[in-house]
Amino acid sequence: MKKGLSKKYLLILLLPLGYILNALSRGNSSMTEKVYSSGIYRGISWLMGNILGRLPFSVAELLLPVLALGLVYCLVLWVIKLIRHKGKRWSIFGAGVLNILLAVSLLYFSFVVLWGLNYNRESLGNILGLEVRPSSFEELVEVTEDLLAKTNSLREKVVENEAGVMVPFGGAKGAFSRARKGYVAAAQYIPGFDSVYGRPKPLLFSSAIAYTNIWGIYSPFTAEPNVNMKIPTPMLISTMMHEFAHQLGFAREDEANYIAYLTCILHPDDDFRYSGYLSALNYSMNAVYSQSREVWQELYDQMSDGIKRDLAENAKYHAKYDGPVREAFSKSNDAYLKANNQTDGERSYGRMIDLVLAQYRYEKAKGR
């Protein structure tokens, strides 16, 4: 028995092994890109995406409470043993600590191997050949004006609910079924972008998740993009495309946001294109506001009433679900992002506008 236990606990070595693997990967992004992100991970994503992606529900969401209950059960048994067997208290305590380390080691190593190394791949700007650099305020305003004009035009082509807020064609179900088309369209310009499988999945416990400030969750253990169904409908499409970007292997939040924008505006349907432009416009308007309230107001006055209603719906959502739970989860997410090579933490979501600006400069130089 003791010999069998010792072999099991050797798996604790996966924790330092995973850390070393991650550190080596972080130090060589080009090798990570070539060997892992464009090679090994593609196979992992294809396998899990084709198996679990066919299911209409989120396997990860159903497994999470089961694992949580299992953890509570094991902890209760551990405490009971500590109380009943006073003479063996230290050995029982030691075995419990080793089991915790074993679980953490397996979890961390699985995360690193199944998806986490994607944080260390080459930047999306380098992959796409875009010059990502600090931009002037004038460039920011110019891009925002361009986004605003396109968003205004597309707003006239979408449908609304009874409150005058944009909704996807065919509702959320229709949007989920059409999401992959944007990636197929993008693959005409960027090879491999059609390597997404299944479809994004609605979260059953969205009502509770809404209080955490989580709009979507990508499960690296099941390769499933999951979406909070309580978020404002104008942002639903861009959110599902964001989570699909994670399945594609782009872990950084700013890059996933940009890919969501790109695959939305290249989508054949106007509701997707509108959602993509609206998301980018929202970020660029926030960037303008941080530098000039007056210029922001001038741009805001040019928005159609429909866009203003959509953005107001977004603000209403944040106000409704704001609170201590959201703050706690926001801090946790910020710490998670910083631990995974995103030094800006949650602010990295907004840096997608740097990629939009880089694309705008590229297209302008080409005369498009």
Foldseek 3Di string as FASTA:
>chain_A
DVVVVVVLLVLLVLQVVLVVVLVVLLVPQACCVVDPLVHVLLVLLLVLQAPVLADQADPVLVVVVVVVVVVVVVVVVLVVCCVPCVVCNVVSVVVVVSVVSSVVSVVSSLCSRLFLSLLRHDDPCVLLVFDQDDDDLVLLLVLLLVLQVVLQVLLVVFDADPLLAGAHVVGPVVLQVQLLQLQVLCCVVPPLSSSFHRTAHERPPLVVCLLQVDQWDQDSNNLHTYGRPPAQRLQRNLSRQLSSVSSSRNDFQLVSSLSSLNSQCSHPDSSSPSSSSLSLSVLSLVVSCVPDVVSSVVSVVPHDPNSVSNVVSNVVSCVVSDDDNNVVSQVVQQVVCCVSVNVVRPCRNSCNNSVVSRVVVVCVVVVD
